[in-house]
């Protein structure tokens, strides 16, 4: 793999896992449900045409030891704008992303932005384009995420105050909602490549001790908070979180029904 391919790209990480439930220290920390597989397939159906329209976007799929069904599907995805990295083990999202960055990214091939997504969201081209523009033009922020459609899976919390109007490096204004004493929700998070290098030292998830699941967005929030770096949600964007535990969005149920018919 040529390291130069990452330079000045919108580098998007998504980690996939389709297998049994996951335990840590004798406790179940991730419960597999019937909606996990369909959410993953719907995610890719949604994002592939979006990044196809953005040649500077690069989607890095890290699969954490999934069942052959999913691995075989991932191998069929077009190679343009996509890198597939297959792991034999399920180490969780933070360690998988951090280890990839440590091996492949450095000061000489710095991406313009770095995104981390969960494979259970859908959004449109306009939301993607606006976030891609805003994240590189608001370098004072830590994380920037999309606004979430309000449903039973909505992860936004503690948005008590009016949004802030920020002027970007390009002279355009952007409206950002900053949560109070809460992290920007983990299903989609973006930051500048410069922030990844200078503040996080090439460790997107600044864990001292890795956890397979959980704590991902909170650990970044705390790291930025103590350095007085704000994060927020970009108004004008909209992302639909398809599932949360046993809860499922109507759009995913409808998509599943269409696939069965």
Protein backbone atom coordinates (compact mmCIF):
# COMPACT_ATOMS: atom_id res chain seq x y z
CA UNK A 1 0.00 0.00 0.00
CA UNK A 2 1.42 3.37 -1.06
CA UNK A 3 1.33 5.77 1.89
CA UNK A 4 0.98 8.71 -0.51
CA UNK A 5 -2.65 7.78 -1.25
CA UNK A 6 -3.75 9.22 2.11
CA UNK A 7 -2.29 12.70 1.59
CA UNK A 8 -4.85 15.53 1.39
CA UNK A 9 -7.80 13.12 1.30
CA UNK A 10 -10.99 13.02 3.31
CA UNK A 11 -10.02 9.79 5.06
CA UNK A 12 -13.09 7.92 6.32
CA UNK A 13 -12.80 4.92 8.62
CA UNK A 14 -15.61 2.44 9.15
CA UNK A 15 -15.16 -0.73 11.19
CA UNK A 16 -17.44 -3.69 10.57
CA UNK A 17 -18.23 -6.75 12.63
CA UNK A 18 -20.81 -9.45 12.01
CA UNK A 19 -20.51 -12.40 14.35
CA UNK A 20 -21.43 -13.49 17.82
CA UNK A 21 -22.03 -11.29 20.84
CA UNK A 22 -18.88 -9.95 22.48
CA UNK A 23 -17.84 -10.33 26.13
CA UNK A 24 -15.16 -8.54 28.09
CA UNK A 25 -14.12 -9.54 31.60
CA UNK A 26 -17.03 -11.98 31.73
CA UNK A 27 -19.62 -9.33 30.83
CA UNK A 28 -21.52 -9.06 27.54
CA UNK A 29 -20.58 -5.68 26.08
CA UNK A 30 -22.01 -6.09 22.57
CA UNK A 31 -25.23 -7.96 21.86
CA UNK A 32 -25.72 -9.17 18.31
CA UNK A 33 -29.26 -8.61 17.02
CA UNK A 34 -31.11 -9.39 13.79
CA UNK A 35 -30.66 -5.77 12.68
CA UNK A 36 -26.85 -5.62 12.70
CA UNK A 37 -26.31 -7.25 9.31
CA UNK A 38 -29.04 -5.32 7.47
CA UNK A 39 -27.79 -2.03 8.94
CA UNK A 40 -24.29 -2.71 7.61
CA UNK A 41 -25.52 -3.55 4.12
CA UNK A 42 -27.81 -0.49 4.07
CA UNK A 43 -24.91 1.70 5.19
CA UNK A 44 -22.79 0.63 2.23
CA UNK A 45 -25.68 0.93 -0.21
CA UNK A 46 -26.05 4.51 0.98
CA UNK A 47 -22.44 5.69 1.15
CA UNK A 48 -20.95 4.14 -1.99
CA UNK A 49 -22.63 6.51 -4.49
CA UNK A 50 -21.83 9.46 -2.22
CA UNK A 51 -18.07 8.88 -2.12
CA UNK A 52 -18.08 7.98 -5.81
CA UNK A 53 -18.94 11.65 -6.42
CA UNK A 54 -16.04 12.79 -4.24
CA UNK A 55 -12.72 11.56 -5.72
CA UNK A 56 -10.79 13.07 -2.78
CA UNK A 57 -12.71 10.84 -0.33
CA UNK A 58 -11.14 7.54 0.69
CA UNK A 59 -13.20 4.98 2.60
CA UNK A 60 -11.09 2.60 4.69
CA UNK A 61 -13.11 -0.45 5.75
CA UNK A 62 -11.61 -2.37 8.65
CA UNK A 63 -13.37 -5.65 9.23
CA UNK A 64 -12.83 -7.21 12.64
CA UNK A 65 -13.08 -10.92 11.94
CA UNK A 66 -16.64 -11.05 10.60
CA UNK A 67 -18.48 -14.11 9.35
CA UNK A 68 -17.64 -15.15 5.75
CA UNK A 69 -20.98 -13.78 4.51
CA UNK A 70 -19.94 -10.19 5.23
CA UNK A 71 -16.28 -10.62 4.30
CA UNK A 72 -17.25 -11.99 0.89
CA UNK A 73 -19.60 -9.05 0.35
CA UNK A 74 -16.90 -6.52 1.28
CA UNK A 75 -14.54 -8.10 -1.24
CA UNK A 76 -17.06 -7.35 -4.01
CA UNK A 77 -17.10 -3.60 -3.36
CA UNK A 78 -15.50 -1.43 -6.05
CA UNK A 79 -11.87 -0.58 -5.36
CA UNK A 80 -12.14 3.05 -6.42
CA UNK A 81 -12.10 5.28 -3.32
CA UNK A 82 -12.13 2.17 -1.10
CA UNK A 83 -9.47 0.29 0.86
CA UNK A 84 -10.37 -2.99 2.55
CA UNK A 85 -8.35 -4.13 5.55
CA UNK A 86 -9.34 -7.55 6.90
CA UNK A 87 -8.46 -8.52 10.46
CA UNK A 88 -8.83 -12.04 11.80
CA UNK A 89 -9.71 -10.80 15.29
CA UNK A 90 -12.33 -8.50 16.78
CA UNK A 91 -10.37 -5.86 18.68
CA UNK A 92 -13.12 -3.21 18.50
CA UNK A 93 -13.17 0.09 16.69
CA UNK A 94 -10.68 2.21 18.70
CA UNK A 95 -7.76 -0.20 18.54
CA UNK A 96 -8.42 -1.15 14.91
CA UNK A 97 -8.47 2.49 13.77
CA UNK A 98 -5.51 3.55 15.93
CA UNK A 99 -3.34 0.68 14.74
CA UNK A 100 -4.12 1.42 11.10
CA UNK A 101 -3.24 5.10 11.58
CA UNK A 102 -0.02 4.26 13.42
CA UNK A 103 1.10 2.04 10.55
CA UNK A 104 0.05 4.13 7.58
CA UNK A 105 -0.34 7.84 8.47
CA UNK A 106 2.34 10.39 9.34
CA UNK A 107 3.32 14.05 8.83
CA UNK A 108 4.36 13.47 5.23
CA UNK A 109 1.05 12.02 4.03
CA UNK A 110 -1.39 13.84 6.29
CA UNK A 111 -5.08 13.68 5.21
CA UNK A 112 -6.99 16.95 5.06
CA UNK A 113 -9.62 15.39 7.36
CA UNK A 114 -10.14 12.13 9.23
CA UNK A 115 -13.61 10.67 9.87
CA UNK A 116 -14.75 7.69 11.91
CA UNK A 117 -18.20 6.20 11.30
CA UNK A 118 -20.25 3.30 12.55
CA UNK A 119 -21.83 1.13 9.82
CA UNK A 120 -25.37 1.83 11.01
CA UNK A 121 -26.03 5.33 9.66
CA UNK A 122 -27.33 6.83 6.42
CA UNK A 123 -27.11 10.41 5.13
CA UNK A 124 -27.36 12.27 1.85
CA UNK A 125 -24.84 13.85 -0.50
CA UNK A 126 -25.57 17.40 0.69
CA UNK A 127 -24.87 16.50 4.32
CA UNK A 128 -21.61 14.79 3.38
CA UNK A 129 -20.47 17.70 1.23
CA UNK A 130 -21.28 20.29 3.90
CA UNK A 131 -19.45 18.38 6.63
CA UNK A 132 -16.45 17.86 4.35
CA UNK A 133 -16.32 21.61 3.70
CA UNK A 134 -16.89 22.68 7.29
CA UNK A 135 -14.42 20.35 8.99
CA UNK A 136 -11.42 21.68 7.06
CA UNK A 137 -12.54 25.31 7.39
CA UNK A 138 -13.17 25.24 11.15
CA UNK A 139 -9.79 24.03 12.43
CA UNK A 140 -10.42 25.48 15.89
CA UNK A 141 -12.92 22.70 16.59
CA UNK A 142 -12.10 19.23 17.82
CA UNK A 143 -14.78 16.87 16.55
CA UNK A 144 -17.51 17.87 14.12
CA UNK A 145 -20.51 15.64 13.51
CA UNK A 146 -23.78 15.73 11.62
CA UNK A 147 -27.12 16.48 13.25
CA UNK A 148 -29.20 13.39 13.97
CA UNK A 149 -32.74 12.70 12.90
CA UNK A 150 -34.88 12.44 16.02
CA UNK A 151 -35.96 8.84 16.49
CA UNK A 152 -35.63 6.09 19.10
CA UNK A 153 -31.98 5.70 18.09
CA UNK A 154 -31.09 9.40 18.33
CA UNK A 155 -27.80 9.83 20.25
CA UNK A 156 -27.82 13.64 20.67
CA UNK A 157 -28.00 14.85 24.29
CA UNK A 158 -27.70 18.08 26.29
CA UNK A 159 -28.11 20.61 23.49
CA UNK A 160 -29.42 23.37 25.73
CA UNK A 161 -27.92 26.48 24.15
CA UNK A 162 -28.44 28.25 20.80
CA UNK A 163 -26.04 27.23 18.03
CA UNK A 164 -22.84 29.20 17.50
CA UNK A 165 -22.15 30.95 14.20
CA UNK A 166 -18.52 30.39 13.21
CA UNK A 167 -16.66 31.91 10.28
CA UNK A 168 -14.52 29.46 8.39
CA UNK A 169 -11.14 29.98 6.75
CA UNK A 170 -12.98 30.21 3.43
CA UNK A 171 -15.01 33.20 4.68
CA UNK A 172 -18.27 31.24 4.87
CA UNK A 173 -20.31 31.01 8.07
CA UNK A 174 -21.29 27.71 9.64
CA UNK A 175 -23.82 27.02 12.38
CA UNK A 176 -22.59 24.60 15.05
CA UNK A 177 -24.58 23.22 17.99
CA UNK A 178 -22.28 22.55 20.95
CA UNK A 179 -23.52 20.05 23.57
CA UNK A 180 -23.20 21.00 27.22
CA UNK A 181 -20.93 18.67 29.21
CA UNK A 182 -21.51 15.88 26.68
CA UNK A 183 -19.59 14.36 23.83
CA UNK A 184 -20.42 14.54 20.14
CA UNK A 185 -22.11 11.22 19.38
CA UNK A 186 -19.86 8.47 18.12
CA UNK A 187 -21.68 7.15 15.00
CA UNK A 188 -20.02 9.88 12.89
CA UNK A 189 -17.12 12.08 13.97
CA UNK A 190 -14.71 14.15 11.85
CA UNK A 191 -11.63 16.24 12.57
CA UNK A 192 -8.82 17.83 10.59
CA UNK A 193 -5.73 15.82 9.83
CA UNK A 194 -3.78 18.59 11.56
CA UNK A 195 -5.79 18.02 14.75
CA UNK A 196 -5.06 14.30 14.55
CA UNK A 197 -1.34 15.05 14.33
CA UNK A 198 -0.81 17.97 16.68
CA UNK A 199 -3.35 17.32 19.44
CA UNK A 200 -3.92 13.57 19.33
CA UNK A 201 -0.42 12.52 18.17
CA UNK A 202 -1.85 10.20 15.51
CA UNK A 203 -4.13 8.39 17.94
CA UNK A 204 -7.75 9.12 17.01
CA UNK A 205 -8.97 7.41 20.18
CA UNK A 206 -6.68 8.54 23.03
CA UNK A 207 -7.19 5.47 25.20
CA UNK A 208 -4.62 4.48 27.79
CA UNK A 209 -6.27 1.05 27.95
CA UNK A 210 -8.37 -0.21 25.05
CA UNK A 211 -11.95 -1.37 25.36
CA UNK A 212 -13.51 -3.48 22.63
CA UNK A 213 -16.78 -1.52 22.73
CA UNK A 214 -17.92 1.65 24.43
CA UNK A 215 -16.27 4.83 25.72
CA UNK A 216 -15.12 5.82 22.20
CA UNK A 217 -16.65 9.28 21.83
CA UNK A 218 -16.40 10.05 25.55
CA UNK A 219 -12.65 9.55 25.69
CA UNK A 220 -12.08 12.02 22.83
CA UNK A 221 -14.48 14.53 24.40
CA UNK A 222 -12.61 14.42 27.73
CA UNK A 223 -9.25 14.72 25.98
CA UNK A 224 -10.40 17.84 24.15
CA UNK A 225 -12.30 19.27 27.13
CA UNK A 226 -9.19 19.48 29.30
CA UNK A 227 -7.48 21.33 26.46
CA UNK A 228 -10.45 23.72 26.08
CA UNK A 229 -11.22 22.51 22.56
CA UNK A 230 -14.90 22.63 21.60
CA UNK A 231 -16.71 20.07 19.48
CA UNK A 232 -20.18 20.17 17.98
CA UNK A 233 -22.86 19.17 15.47
CA UNK A 234 -23.06 20.93 12.11
CA UNK A 235 -26.48 22.44 11.43
CA UNK A 236 -27.71 21.91 7.90
CA UNK A 237 -26.68 18.26 7.93
CA UNK A 238 -28.81 15.25 8.81
CA UNK A 239 -27.82 11.67 9.61
CA UNK A 240 -30.19 8.84 10.44
CA UNK A 241 -28.98 6.42 13.11
CA UNK A 242 -30.51 3.10 12.11
CA UNK A 243 -30.24 1.11 15.31
CA UNK A 244 -29.37 1.39 18.98
CA UNK A 245 -29.28 -1.83 20.99
CA UNK A 246 -32.58 -3.56 20.28
CA UNK A 247 -34.17 -0.36 18.93
CA UNK A 248 -34.41 0.06 15.17
CA UNK A 249 -35.32 3.00 12.95
CA UNK A 250 -38.39 2.71 10.69
CA UNK A 251 -36.19 3.36 7.64
CA UNK A 252 -34.17 0.21 8.34
CA UNK A 253 -37.31 -1.85 8.84
CA UNK A 254 -38.68 -0.54 5.54
CA UNK A 255 -35.39 -1.28 3.75
CA UNK A 256 -35.41 -4.84 5.11
CA UNK A 257 -39.00 -5.35 3.92
CA UNK A 258 -38.10 -4.13 0.43
CA UNK A 259 -35.15 -6.51 0.25
CA UNK A 260 -37.33 -9.45 1.25
CA UNK A 261 -40.04 -8.66 -1.30
